[in-house]
Amino acid sequence: MKKISVLALAVLMPVCGAMAGPGKTMNNGMMNGNQPAVWTVTEVVSLPDNTPVVMRGRITKNMGNNIFVFEDGSGTIMLEIDEESWNGNTVRVDDVVTVYGNVDKGSNYTEVDVDSIVR
């Protein structure tokens, strides 16, 4: 019986990993070893609401009211960045940043609510 359980685990582990996509797991946006997975804008727009994400790219425009345009090589998305999320960082347009936040899906939009941003 023990051999069957080990065999079942050996077969199911790669299948579960493949379901999460290349280089990513379903564990709150964390890769193996608890390293944050970096998501592209294209990937983020297809994720469910409240999914934790890490993105790397550039803030290209301040739209006002804490809304910013973010882009990476795959596309653009709006970020909502509250004052405390800047953590004292000064970021200029086109600086490369890492954004930590959660997907916010509405009926006709997807944006990221930013928890913190690092330059």
PDB file of N, CA and C in Angstrom:
ATOM      1  N   MET A   1       0.817  -1.191   0.000  1.00  0.00           N
ATOM      2  CA  MET A   1       0.000   0.000   0.000  1.00  0.00           C
ATOM      3  C   MET A   1       0.862   1.255   0.000  1.00  0.00           C
ATOM      4  N   LYS A   2       1.976   1.217   0.738  1.00  0.00           N
ATOM      5  CA  LYS A   2       2.865   2.365   0.822  1.00  0.00           C
ATOM      6  C   LYS A   2       3.450   2.708  -0.551  1.00  0.00           C
ATOM      7  N   LYS A   3       3.771   1.697  -1.354  1.00  0.00           N
ATOM      8  CA  LYS A   3       4.323   1.913  -2.690  1.00  0.00           C
ATOM      9  C   LYS A   3       3.314   2.618  -3.583  1.00  0.00           C
ATOM     10  N   ILE A   4       2.034   2.272  -3.438  1.00  0.00           N
ATOM     11  CA  ILE A   4       0.993   2.914  -4.251  1.00  0.00           C
ATOM     12  C   ILE A   4       0.869   4.388  -3.879  1.00  0.00           C
ATOM     13  N   SER A   5       0.928   4.723  -2.602  1.00  0.00           N
ATOM     14  CA  SER A   5       0.831   6.120  -2.161  1.00  0.00           C
ATOM     15  C   SER A   5       1.995   6.949  -2.688  1.00  0.00           C
ATOM     16  N   VAL A   6       3.187   6.408  -2.618  1.00  0.00           N
ATOM     17  CA  VAL A   6       4.368   7.114  -3.119  1.00  0.00           C
ATOM     18  C   VAL A   6       4.262   7.303  -4.621  1.00  0.00           C
ATOM     19  N   LEU A   7       3.807   6.294  -5.327  1.00  0.00           N
ATOM     20  CA  LEU A   7       3.635   6.386  -6.771  1.00  0.00           C
ATOM     21  C   LEU A   7       2.589   7.441  -7.120  1.00  0.00           C
ATOM     22  N   ALA A   8       1.487   7.475  -6.383  1.00  0.00           N
ATOM     23  CA  ALA A   8       0.437   8.471  -6.631  1.00  0.00           C
ATOM     24  C   ALA A   8       0.982   9.878  -6.432  1.00  0.00           C
ATOM     25  N   LEU A   9       1.769  10.096  -5.388  1.00  0.00           N
ATOM     26  CA  LEU A   9       2.378  11.403  -5.153  1.00  0.00           C
ATOM     27  C   LEU A   9       3.326  11.785  -6.283  1.00  0.00           C
ATOM     28  N   ALA A  10       4.121  10.840  -6.721  1.00  0.00           N
ATOM     29  CA  ALA A  10       5.077  11.112  -7.795  1.00  0.00           C
ATOM     30  C   ALA A  10       4.373  11.512  -9.084  1.00  0.00           C
ATOM     31  N   VAL A  11       3.192  10.973  -9.319  1.00  0.00           N
ATOM     32  CA  VAL A  11       2.437  11.276 -10.533  1.00  0.00           C
ATOM     33  C   VAL A  11       1.694  12.603 -10.389  1.00  0.00           C
ATOM     34  N   LEU A  12       1.114  12.874  -9.220  1.00  0.00           N
ATOM     35  CA  LEU A  12       0.278  14.059  -9.032  1.00  0.00           C
ATOM     36  C   LEU A  12       1.070  15.353  -8.847  1.00  0.00           C
ATOM     37  N   MET A  13       2.249  15.320  -8.278  1.00  0.00           N
ATOM     38  CA  MET A  13       3.003  16.544  -8.019  1.00  0.00           C
ATOM     39  C   MET A  13       3.308  17.324  -9.297  1.00  0.00           C
ATOM     40  N   PRO A  14       3.815  16.711 -10.366  1.00  0.00           N
ATOM     41  CA  PRO A  14       4.064  17.482 -11.581  1.00  0.00           C
ATOM     42  C   PRO A  14       2.781  18.025 -12.198  1.00  0.00           C
ATOM     43  N   VAL A  15       1.678  17.298 -12.071  1.00  0.00           N
ATOM     44  CA  VAL A  15       0.408  17.753 -12.632  1.00  0.00           C
ATOM     45  C   VAL A  15      -0.059  19.007 -11.919  1.00  0.00           C
ATOM     46  N   CYS A  16       0.016  19.038 -10.586  1.00  0.00           N
ATOM     47  CA  CYS A  16      -0.395  20.212  -9.812  1.00  0.00           C
ATOM     48  C   CYS A  16       0.470  21.415 -10.158  1.00  0.00           C
ATOM     49  N   GLY A  17       1.763  21.212 -10.320  1.00  0.00           N
ATOM     50  CA  GLY A  17       2.649  22.307 -10.682  1.00  0.00           C
ATOM     51  C   GLY A  17       2.357  22.853 -12.059  1.00  0.00           C
ATOM     52  N   ALA A  18       2.024  21.993 -13.007  1.00  0.00           N
ATOM     53  CA  ALA A  18       1.721  22.430 -14.372  1.00  0.00           C
ATOM     54  C   ALA A  18       0.456  23.264 -14.419  1.00  0.00           C
ATOM     55  N   MET A  19      -0.490  22.992 -13.528  1.00  0.00           N
ATOM     56  CA  MET A  19      -1.744  23.749 -13.512  1.00  0.00           C
ATOM     57  C   MET A  19      -1.503  25.202 -13.121  1.00  0.00           C
ATOM     58  N   ALA A  20      -0.463  25.494 -12.380  1.00  0.00           N
ATOM     59  CA  ALA A  20      -0.193  26.842 -11.913  1.00  0.00           C
ATOM     60  C   ALA A  20       0.438  27.715 -12.981  1.00  0.00           C
ATOM     61  N   GLY A  21       0.954  27.143 -14.042  1.00  0.00           N
ATOM     62  CA  GLY A  21       1.589  27.936 -15.085  1.00  0.00           C
ATOM     63  C   GLY A  21       3.096  27.893 -14.946  1.00  0.00           C
ATOM     64  N   PRO A  22       3.791  28.407 -15.957  1.00  0.00           N
ATOM     65  CA  PRO A  22       5.248  28.313 -15.951  1.00  0.00           C
ATOM     66  C   PRO A  22       5.871  29.163 -14.855  1.00  0.00           C
ATOM     67  N   GLY A  23       6.658  28.526 -13.978  1.00  0.00           N
ATOM     68  CA  GLY A  23       7.405  29.245 -12.966  1.00  0.00           C
ATOM     69  C   GLY A  23       6.575  29.748 -11.809  1.00  0.00           C
ATOM     70  N   LYS A  24       5.297  29.465 -11.758  1.00  0.00           N
ATOM     71  CA  LYS A  24       4.447  29.983 -10.709  1.00  0.00           C
ATOM     72  C   LYS A  24       3.730  28.830 -10.013  1.00  0.00           C
ATOM     73  N   THR A  25       3.354  29.049  -8.768  1.00  0.00           N
ATOM     74  CA  THR A  25       2.526  28.083  -8.070  1.00  0.00           C
ATOM     75  C   THR A  25       1.256  28.777  -7.630  1.00  0.00           C
ATOM     76  N   MET A  26       0.292  28.020  -7.168  1.00  0.00           N
ATOM     77  CA  MET A  26      -0.972  28.595  -6.728  1.00  0.00           C
ATOM     78  C   MET A  26      -0.899  29.054  -5.276  1.00  0.00           C
ATOM     79  N   ASN A  27       0.284  29.112  -4.680  1.00  0.00           N
ATOM     80  CA  ASN A  27       0.462  29.449  -3.272  1.00  0.00           C
ATOM     81  C   ASN A  27       0.618  30.958  -3.092  1.00  0.00           C
ATOM     82  N   ASN A  28      -0.468  31.700  -3.231  1.00  0.00           N
ATOM     83  CA  ASN A  28      -0.475  33.153  -3.033  1.00  0.00           C
ATOM     84  C   ASN A  28       0.605  33.876  -3.828  1.00  0.00           C
ATOM     85  N   GLY A  29       0.807  33.477  -5.058  1.00  0.00           N
ATOM     86  CA  GLY A  29       1.773  34.159  -5.902  1.00  0.00           C
ATOM     87  C   GLY A  29       3.213  33.899  -5.533  1.00  0.00           C
ATOM     88  N   MET A  30       3.485  32.870  -4.776  1.00  0.00           N
ATOM     89  CA  MET A  30       4.847  32.571  -4.359  1.00  0.00           C
ATOM     90  C   MET A  30       5.392  31.411  -5.172  1.00  0.00           C
ATOM     91  N   MET A  31       6.643  31.504  -5.555  1.00  0.00           N
ATOM     92  CA  MET A  31       7.303  30.405  -6.248  1.00  0.00           C
ATOM     93  C   MET A  31       7.842  29.434  -5.216  1.00  0.00           C
ATOM     94  N   ASN A  32       8.350  28.316  -5.680  1.00  0.00           N
ATOM     95  CA  ASN A  32       8.970  27.356  -4.775  1.00  0.00           C
ATOM     96  C   ASN A  32      10.068  28.055  -3.986  1.00  0.00           C
ATOM     97  N   GLY A  33      10.229  27.724  -2.715  1.00  0.00           N
ATOM     98  CA  GLY A  33      11.221  28.376  -1.876  1.00  0.00           C
ATOM     99  C   GLY A  33      10.711  29.691  -1.317  1.00  0.00           C
ATOM    100  N   ASN A  34       9.424  29.960  -1.434  1.00  0.00           N
ATOM    101  CA  ASN A  34       8.789  31.175  -0.921  1.00  0.00           C
ATOM    102  C   ASN A  34       9.341  32.458  -1.517  1.00  0.00           C
ATOM    103  N   GLN A  35       9.857  32.401  -2.720  1.00  0.00           N
ATOM    104  CA  GLN A  35      10.274  33.605  -3.430  1.00  0.00           C
ATOM    105  C   GLN A  35       9.077  34.161  -4.183  1.00  0.00           C
ATOM    106  N   PRO A  36       8.872  35.479  -4.158  1.00  0.00           N
ATOM    107  CA  PRO A  36       7.723  36.023  -4.885  1.00  0.00           C
ATOM    108  C   PRO A  36       7.839  35.759  -6.377  1.00  0.00           C
ATOM    109  N   ALA A  37       6.736  35.338  -6.972  1.00  0.00           N
ATOM    110  CA  ALA A  37       6.677  35.158  -8.414  1.00  0.00           C
ATOM    111  C   ALA A  37       6.421  36.529  -9.031  1.00  0.00           C
ATOM    112  N   VAL A  38       7.119  36.870 -10.080  1.00  0.00           N
ATOM    113  CA  VAL A  38       6.895  38.139 -10.765  1.00  0.00           C
ATOM    114  C   VAL A  38       5.922  37.876 -11.908  1.00  0.00           C
ATOM    115  N   TRP A  39       4.792  38.564 -11.869  1.00  0.00           N
ATOM    116  CA  TRP A  39       3.736  38.404 -12.859  1.00  0.00           C
ATOM    117  C   TRP A  39       3.838  39.500 -13.905  1.00  0.00           C
ATOM    118  N   THR A  40       3.493  39.192 -15.134  1.00  0.00           N
ATOM    119  CA  THR A  40       3.406  40.216 -16.177  1.00  0.00           C
ATOM    120  C   THR A  40       2.002  40.810 -16.155  1.00  0.00           C
ATOM    121  N   VAL A  41       1.850  41.974 -16.759  1.00  0.00           N
ATOM    122  CA  VAL A  41       0.530  42.598 -16.850  1.00  0.00           C
ATOM    123  C   VAL A  41      -0.443  41.658 -17.550  1.00  0.00           C
ATOM    124  N   THR A  42      -0.012  41.020 -18.611  1.00  0.00           N
ATOM    125  CA  THR A  42      -0.881  40.093 -19.339  1.00  0.00           C
ATOM    126  C   THR A  42      -1.381  38.978 -18.433  1.00  0.00           C
ATOM    127  N   GLU A  43      -0.532  38.456 -17.568  1.00  0.00           N
ATOM    128  CA  GLU A  43      -0.946  37.420 -16.630  1.00  0.00           C
ATOM    129  C   GLU A  43      -1.891  37.978 -15.563  1.00  0.00           C
ATOM    130  N   VAL A  44      -1.582  39.161 -15.053  1.00  0.00           N
ATOM    131  CA  VAL A  44      -2.363  39.751 -13.966  1.00  0.00           C
ATOM    132  C   VAL A  44      -3.815  39.980 -14.369  1.00  0.00           C
ATOM    133  N   VAL A  45      -4.052  40.452 -15.593  1.00  0.00           N
ATOM    134  CA  VAL A  45      -5.435  40.745 -15.994  1.00  0.00           C
ATOM    135  C   VAL A  45      -6.293  39.489 -16.069  1.00  0.00           C
ATOM    136  N   SER A  46      -5.676  38.316 -16.137  1.00  0.00           N
ATOM    137  CA  SER A  46      -6.459  37.082 -16.195  1.00  0.00           C
ATOM    138  C   SER A  46      -6.611  36.418 -14.825  1.00  0.00           C
ATOM    139  N   LEU A  47      -5.999  36.977 -13.792  1.00  0.00           N
ATOM    140  CA  LEU A  47      -6.079  36.395 -12.456  1.00  0.00           C
ATOM    141  C   LEU A  47      -7.384  36.780 -11.756  1.00  0.00           C
ATOM    142  N   PRO A  48      -7.824  35.970 -10.791  1.00  0.00           N
ATOM    143  CA  PRO A  48      -9.039  36.306 -10.043  1.00  0.00           C
ATOM    144  C   PRO A  48      -8.824  37.487  -9.087  1.00  0.00           C
ATOM    145  N   ASP A  49      -9.931  38.093  -8.688  1.00  0.00           N
ATOM    146  CA  ASP A  49      -9.927  39.199  -7.734  1.00  0.00           C
ATOM    147  C   ASP A  49      -9.201  38.794  -6.454  1.00  0.00           C
ATOM    148  N   ASN A  50      -8.473  39.739  -5.885  1.00  0.00           N
ATOM    149  CA  ASN A  50      -7.750  39.578  -4.614  1.00  0.00           C
ATOM    150  C   ASN A  50      -6.536  38.670  -4.684  1.00  0.00           C
ATOM    151  N   THR A  51      -6.087  38.271  -5.871  1.00  0.00           N
ATOM    152  CA  THR A  51      -4.870  37.463  -5.984  1.00  0.00           C
ATOM    153  C   THR A  51      -3.664  38.340  -5.669  1.00  0.00           C
ATOM    154  N   PRO A  52      -2.786  37.916  -4.745  1.00  0.00           N
ATOM    155  CA  PRO A  52      -1.565  38.673  -4.479  1.00  0.00           C
ATOM    156  C   PRO A  52      -0.622  38.587  -5.679  1.00  0.00           C
ATOM    157  N   VAL A  53      -0.034  39.716  -6.055  1.00  0.00           N
ATOM    158  CA  VAL A  53       0.873  39.743  -7.199  1.00  0.00           C
ATOM    159  C   VAL A  53       2.109  40.573  -6.902  1.00  0.00           C
ATOM    160  N   VAL A  54       3.166  40.262  -7.624  1.00  0.00           N
ATOM    161  CA  VAL A  54       4.392  41.056  -7.664  1.00  0.00           C
ATOM    162  C   VAL A  54       4.645  41.327  -9.132  1.00  0.00           C
ATOM    163  N   MET A  55       4.855  42.608  -9.478  1.00  0.00           N
ATOM    164  CA  MET A  55       5.115  42.984 -10.876  1.00  0.00           C
ATOM    165  C   MET A  55       6.358  43.861 -10.930  1.00  0.00           C
ATOM    166  N   ARG A  56       7.054  43.780 -12.049  1.00  0.00           N
ATOM    167  CA  ARG A  56       8.250  44.611 -12.257  1.00  0.00           C
ATOM    168  C   ARG A  56       8.072  45.346 -13.575  1.00  0.00           C
ATOM    169  N   GLY A  57       8.208  46.668 -13.515  1.00  0.00           N
ATOM    170  CA  GLY A  57       8.047  47.483 -14.712  1.00  0.00           C
ATOM    171  C   GLY A  57       8.183  48.961 -14.381  1.00  0.00           C
ATOM    172  N   ARG A  58       7.491  49.802 -15.159  1.00  0.00           N
ATOM    173  CA  ARG A  58       7.638  51.251 -15.014  1.00  0.00           C
ATOM    174  C   ARG A  58       6.285  51.913 -14.782  1.00  0.00           C
ATOM    175  N   ILE A  59       6.270  52.919 -13.926  1.00  0.00           N
ATOM    176  CA  ILE A  59       5.104  53.780 -13.804  1.00  0.00           C
ATOM    177  C   ILE A  59       5.293  54.872 -14.844  1.00  0.00           C
ATOM    178  N   THR A  60       4.344  54.974 -15.761  1.00  0.00           N
ATOM    179  CA  THR A  60       4.524  55.896 -16.885  1.00  0.00           C
ATOM    180  C   THR A  60       3.686  57.164 -16.782  1.00  0.00           C
ATOM    181  N   LYS A  61       2.675  57.165 -15.894  1.00  0.00           N
ATOM    182  CA  LYS A  61       1.829  58.351 -15.814  1.00  0.00           C
ATOM    183  C   LYS A  61       1.072  58.388 -14.491  1.00  0.00           C
ATOM    184  N   ASN A  62       0.930  59.603 -13.943  1.00  0.00           N
ATOM    185  CA  ASN A  62       0.103  59.843 -12.766  1.00  0.00           C
ATOM    186  C   ASN A  62      -1.236  60.357 -13.260  1.00  0.00           C
ATOM    187  N   MET A  63      -2.306  59.597 -13.021  1.00  0.00           N
ATOM    188  CA  MET A  63      -3.638  59.976 -13.481  1.00  0.00           C
ATOM    189  C   MET A  63      -4.380  60.829 -12.449  1.00  0.00           C
ATOM    190  N   GLY A  64      -3.809  61.016 -11.269  1.00  0.00           N
ATOM    191  CA  GLY A  64      -4.466  61.743 -10.188  1.00  0.00           C
ATOM    192  C   GLY A  64      -5.273  60.793  -9.320  1.00  0.00           C
ATOM    193  N   ASN A  65      -5.663  61.269  -8.124  1.00  0.00           N
ATOM    194  CA  ASN A  65      -6.461  60.468  -7.187  1.00  0.00           C
ATOM    195  C   ASN A  65      -5.840  59.103  -6.876  1.00  0.00           C
ATOM    196  N   ASN A  66      -4.522  59.064  -6.740  1.00  0.00           N
ATOM    197  CA  ASN A  66      -3.774  57.849  -6.393  1.00  0.00           C
ATOM    198  C   ASN A  66      -3.804  56.769  -7.468  1.00  0.00           C
ATOM    199  N   ILE A  67      -4.154  57.118  -8.705  1.00  0.00           N
ATOM    200  CA  ILE A  67      -4.179  56.159  -9.809  1.00  0.00           C
ATOM    201  C   ILE A  67      -2.989  56.437 -10.731  1.00  0.00           C
ATOM    202  N   PHE A  68      -2.249  55.373 -11.074  1.00  0.00           N
ATOM    203  CA  PHE A  68      -1.064  55.480 -11.907  1.00  0.00           C
ATOM    204  C   PHE A  68      -1.118  54.440 -13.011  1.00  0.00           C
ATOM    205  N   VAL A  69      -0.503  54.753 -14.149  1.00  0.00           N
ATOM    206  CA  VAL A  69      -0.391  53.804 -15.250  1.00  0.00           C
ATOM    207  C   VAL A  69       0.944  53.080 -15.096  1.00  0.00           C
ATOM    208  N   PHE A  70       0.888  51.750 -15.151  1.00  0.00           N
ATOM    209  CA  PHE A  70       2.061  50.894 -15.016  1.00  0.00           C
ATOM    210  C   PHE A  70       2.196  50.089 -16.287  1.00  0.00           C
ATOM    211  N   GLU A  71       3.421  49.913 -16.748  1.00  0.00           N
ATOM    212  CA  GLU A  71       3.620  49.053 -17.916  1.00  0.00           C
ATOM    213  C   GLU A  71       4.874  48.219 -17.772  1.00  0.00           C
ATOM    214  N   ASP A  72       4.784  47.045 -18.378  1.00  0.00           N
ATOM    215  CA  ASP A  72       5.947  46.189 -18.526  1.00  0.00           C
ATOM    216  C   ASP A  72       5.988  45.808 -20.002  1.00  0.00           C
ATOM    217  N   GLY A  73       6.783  44.877 -20.374  1.00  0.00           N
ATOM    218  CA  GLY A  73       6.891  44.513 -21.783  1.00  0.00           C
ATOM    219  C   GLY A  73       5.640  43.877 -22.366  1.00  0.00           C
ATOM    220  N   SER A  74       4.688  43.487 -21.514  1.00  0.00           N
ATOM    221  CA  SER A  74       3.509  42.774 -22.002  1.00  0.00           C
ATOM    222  C   SER A  74       2.259  43.637 -22.121  1.00  0.00           C
ATOM    223  N   GLY A  75       2.240  44.808 -21.472  1.00  0.00           N
ATOM    224  CA  GLY A  75       1.044  45.651 -21.539  1.00  0.00           C
ATOM    225  C   GLY A  75       1.015  46.694 -20.438  1.00  0.00           C
ATOM    226  N   THR A  76      -0.172  47.315 -20.271  1.00  0.00           N
ATOM    227  CA  THR A  76      -0.346  48.352 -19.256  1.00  0.00           C
ATOM    228  C   THR A  76      -1.519  47.998 -18.352  1.00  0.00           C
ATOM    229  N   ILE A  77      -1.465  48.516 -17.118  1.00  0.00           N
ATOM    230  CA  ILE A  77      -2.531  48.318 -16.142  1.00  0.00           C
ATOM    231  C   ILE A  77      -2.522  49.508 -15.190  1.00  0.00           C
ATOM    232  N   MET A  78      -3.660  49.801 -14.616  1.00  0.00           N
ATOM    233  CA  MET A  78      -3.757  50.880 -13.631  1.00  0.00           C
ATOM    234  C   MET A  78      -3.380  50.346 -12.253  1.00  0.00           C
ATOM    235  N   LEU A  79      -2.683  51.183 -11.485  1.00  0.00           N
ATOM    236  CA  LEU A  79      -2.337  50.875 -10.105  1.00  0.00           C
ATOM    237  C   LEU A  79      -3.018  51.894  -9.211  1.00  0.00           C
ATOM    238  N   GLU A  80      -3.535  51.444  -8.077  1.00  0.00           N
ATOM    239  CA  GLU A  80      -3.999  52.366  -7.040  1.00  0.00           C
ATOM    240  C   GLU A  80      -2.966  52.337  -5.928  1.00  0.00           C
ATOM    241  N   ILE A  81      -2.282  53.472  -5.737  1.00  0.00           N
ATOM    242  CA  ILE A  81      -1.182  53.534  -4.770  1.00  0.00           C
ATOM    243  C   ILE A  81      -1.511  54.609  -3.738  1.00  0.00           C
ATOM    244  N   ASP A  82      -1.868  54.188  -2.523  1.00  0.00           N
ATOM    245  CA  ASP A  82      -2.116  55.127  -1.438  1.00  0.00           C
ATOM    246  C   ASP A  82      -0.780  55.676  -0.932  1.00  0.00           C
ATOM    247  N   GLU A  83      -0.823  56.818  -0.274  1.00  0.00           N
ATOM    248  CA  GLU A  83       0.387  57.516   0.184  1.00  0.00           C
ATOM    249  C   GLU A  83       1.315  56.612   0.995  1.00  0.00           C
ATOM    250  N   GLU A  84       0.757  55.828   1.922  1.00  0.00           N
ATOM    251  CA  GLU A  84       1.607  54.997   2.785  1.00  0.00           C
ATOM    252  C   GLU A  84       2.273  53.845   2.024  1.00  0.00           C
ATOM    253  N   SER A  85       1.756  53.491   0.866  1.00  0.00           N
ATOM    254  CA  SER A  85       2.323  52.391   0.081  1.00  0.00           C
ATOM    255  C   SER A  85       3.659  52.750  -0.567  1.00  0.00           C
ATOM    256  N   TRP A  86       3.953  54.047  -0.665  1.00  0.00           N
ATOM    257  CA  TRP A  86       5.223  54.470  -1.264  1.00  0.00           C
ATOM    258  C   TRP A  86       6.407  54.183  -0.348  1.00  0.00           C
ATOM    259  N   ASN A  87       6.158  54.016   0.956  1.00  0.00           N
ATOM    260  CA  ASN A  87       7.214  53.708   1.932  1.00  0.00           C
ATOM    261  C   ASN A  87       8.366  54.704   1.876  1.00  0.00           C
ATOM    262  N   GLY A  88       8.064  55.954   1.612  1.00  0.00           N
ATOM    263  CA  GLY A  88       9.094  56.985   1.559  1.00  0.00           C
ATOM    264  C   GLY A  88       9.914  56.994   0.283  1.00  0.00           C
ATOM    265  N   ASN A  89       9.635  56.117  -0.664  1.00  0.00           N
ATOM    266  CA  ASN A  89      10.372  56.073  -1.932  1.00  0.00           C
ATOM    267  C   ASN A  89       9.966  57.242  -2.823  1.00  0.00           C
ATOM    268  N   THR A  90      10.927  57.797  -3.504  1.00  0.00           N
ATOM    269  CA  THR A  90      10.661  58.784  -4.538  1.00  0.00           C
ATOM    270  C   THR A  90      10.825  58.062  -5.878  1.00  0.00           C
ATOM    271  N   VAL A  91       9.759  58.053  -6.650  1.00  0.00           N
ATOM    272  CA  VAL A  91       9.782  57.358  -7.935  1.00  0.00           C
ATOM    273  C   VAL A  91       9.461  58.367  -9.022  1.00  0.00           C
ATOM    274  N   ARG A  92      10.308  58.423 -10.022  1.00  0.00           N
ATOM    275  CA  ARG A  92      10.080  59.294 -11.168  1.00  0.00           C
ATOM    276  C   ARG A  92       9.472  58.489 -12.307  1.00  0.00           C
ATOM    277  N   VAL A  93       8.814  59.183 -13.210  1.00  0.00           N
ATOM    278  CA  VAL A  93       8.253  58.525 -14.387  1.00  0.00           C
ATOM    279  C   VAL A  93       9.370  57.746 -15.071  1.00  0.00           C
ATOM    280  N   ASP A  94       9.073  56.542 -15.457  1.00  0.00           N
ATOM    281  CA  ASP A  94       9.963  55.623 -16.159  1.00  0.00           C
ATOM    282  C   ASP A  94      11.033  54.973 -15.284  1.00  0.00           C
ATOM    283  N   ASP A  95      11.039  55.214 -13.954  1.00  0.00           N
ATOM    284  CA  ASP A  95      11.903  54.425 -13.079  1.00  0.00           C
ATOM    285  C   ASP A  95      11.380  52.993 -13.062  1.00  0.00           C
ATOM    286  N   VAL A  96      12.287  52.025 -13.047  1.00  0.00           N
ATOM    287  CA  VAL A  96      11.871  50.631 -12.928  1.00  0.00           C
ATOM    288  C   VAL A  96      11.583  50.348 -11.451  1.00  0.00           C
ATOM    289  N   VAL A  97      10.409  49.778 -11.187  1.00  0.00           N
ATOM    290  CA  VAL A  97       9.975  49.510  -9.823  1.00  0.00           C
ATOM    291  C   VAL A  97       9.449  48.080  -9.698  1.00  0.00           C
ATOM    292  N   THR A  98       9.414  47.603  -8.465  1.00  0.00           N
ATOM    293  CA  THR A  98       8.746  46.348  -8.146  1.00  0.00           C
ATOM    294  C   THR A  98       7.522  46.701  -7.314  1.00  0.00           C
ATOM    295  N   VAL A  99       6.374  46.192  -7.729  1.00  0.00           N
ATOM    296  CA  VAL A  99       5.093  46.501  -7.104  1.00  0.00           C
ATOM    297  C   VAL A  99       4.558  45.246  -6.440  1.00  0.00           C
ATOM    298  N   TYR A 100       4.149  45.377  -5.182  1.00  0.00           N
ATOM    299  CA  TYR A 100       3.529  44.292  -4.428  1.00  0.00           C
ATOM    300  C   TYR A 100       2.095  44.707  -4.130  1.00  0.00           C
ATOM    301  N   GLY A 101       1.132  43.887  -4.539  1.00  0.00           N
ATOM    302  CA  GLY A 101      -0.255  44.265  -4.305  1.00  0.00           C
ATOM    303  C   GLY A 101      -1.208  43.122  -4.559  1.00  0.00           C
ATOM    304  N   ASN A 102      -2.480  43.485  -4.778  1.00  0.00           N
ATOM    305  CA  ASN A 102      -3.541  42.509  -5.008  1.00  0.00           C
ATOM    306  C   ASN A 102      -4.379  42.930  -6.199  1.00  0.00           C
ATOM    307  N   VAL A 103      -4.806  41.958  -6.972  1.00  0.00           N
ATOM    308  CA  VAL A 103      -5.663  42.212  -8.123  1.00  0.00           C
ATOM    309  C   VAL A 103      -7.007  42.739  -7.629  1.00  0.00           C
ATOM    310  N   ASP A 104      -7.487  43.795  -8.278  1.00  0.00           N
ATOM    311  CA  ASP A 104      -8.813  44.357  -7.981  1.00  0.00           C
ATOM    312  C   ASP A 104      -9.619  44.317  -9.268  1.00  0.00           C
ATOM    313  N   LYS A 105     -10.602  43.428  -9.307  1.00  0.00           N
ATOM    314  CA  LYS A 105     -11.439  43.280 -10.504  1.00  0.00           C
ATOM    315  C   LYS A 105     -12.787  43.933 -10.259  1.00  0.00           C
ATOM    316  N   GLY A 106     -13.201  44.762 -11.215  1.00  0.00           N
ATOM    317  CA  GLY A 106     -14.538  45.323 -11.209  1.00  0.00           C
ATOM    318  C   GLY A 106     -15.309  44.776 -12.391  1.00  0.00           C
ATOM    319  N   SER A 107     -16.497  45.276 -12.600  1.00  0.00           N
ATOM    320  CA  SER A 107     -17.313  44.749 -13.700  1.00  0.00           C
ATOM    321  C   SER A 107     -16.717  45.072 -15.064  1.00  0.00           C
ATOM    322  N   ASN A 108     -15.966  46.180 -15.169  1.00  0.00           N
ATOM    323  CA  ASN A 108     -15.391  46.535 -16.469  1.00  0.00           C
ATOM    324  C   ASN A 108     -13.935  46.991 -16.370  1.00  0.00           C
ATOM    325  N   TYR A 109     -13.235  46.580 -15.318  1.00  0.00           N
ATOM    326  CA  TYR A 109     -11.824  46.968 -15.191  1.00  0.00           C
ATOM    327  C   TYR A 109     -11.062  45.946 -14.351  1.00  0.00           C
ATOM    328  N   THR A 110      -9.758  45.959 -14.517  1.00  0.00           N
ATOM    329  CA  THR A 110      -8.837  45.242 -13.639  1.00  0.00           C
ATOM    330  C   THR A 110      -7.720  46.207 -13.306  1.00  0.00           C
ATOM    331  N   GLU A 111      -7.434  46.362 -12.027  1.00  0.00           N
ATOM    332  CA  GLU A 111      -6.303  47.168 -11.590  1.00  0.00           C
ATOM    333  C   GLU A 111      -5.632  46.440 -10.444  1.00  0.00           C
ATOM    334  N   VAL A 112      -4.544  47.014  -9.946  1.00  0.00           N
ATOM    335  CA  VAL A 112      -3.835  46.425  -8.808  1.00  0.00           C
ATOM    336  C   VAL A 112      -3.840  47.430  -7.673  1.00  0.00           C
ATOM    337  N   ASP A 113      -4.330  47.005  -6.508  1.00  0.00           N
ATOM    338  CA  ASP A 113      -4.237  47.796  -5.291  1.00  0.00           C
ATOM    339  C   ASP A 113      -2.854  47.519  -4.704  1.00  0.00           C
ATOM    340  N   VAL A 114      -2.030  48.538  -4.646  1.00  0.00           N
ATOM    341  CA  VAL A 114      -0.624  48.373  -4.259  1.00  0.00           C
ATOM    342  C   VAL A 114      -0.472  48.426  -2.750  1.00  0.00           C
ATOM    343  N   ASP A 115       0.215  47.423  -2.199  1.00  0.00           N
ATOM    344  CA  ASP A 115       0.556  47.399  -0.783  1.00  0.00           C
ATOM    345  C   ASP A 115       1.874  48.118  -0.548  1.00  0.00           C
ATOM    346  N   SER A 116       2.847  47.873  -1.446  1.00  0.00           N
ATOM    347  CA  SER A 116       4.133  48.555  -1.355  1.00  0.00           C
ATOM    348  C   SER A 116       4.805  48.594  -2.712  1.00  0.00           C
ATOM    349  N   ILE A 117       5.713  49.538  -2.832  1.00  0.00           N
ATOM    350  CA  ILE A 117       6.438  49.725  -4.082  1.00  0.00           C
ATOM    351  C   ILE A 117       7.909  49.968  -3.755  1.00  0.00           C
ATOM    352  N   VAL A 118       8.799  49.336  -4.513  1.00  0.00           N
ATOM    353  CA  VAL A 118      10.233  49.443  -4.261  1.00  0.00           C
ATOM    354  C   VAL A 118      10.922  49.835  -5.554  1.00  0.00           C
ATOM    355  N   ARG A 119      11.804  50.820  -5.445  1.00  0.00           N
ATOM    356  CA  ARG A 119      12.564  51.255  -6.620  1.00  0.00           C
ATOM    357  C   ARG A 119      13.867  50.537  -6.706  1.00  0.00           C
TER     358      ARG A 119
END
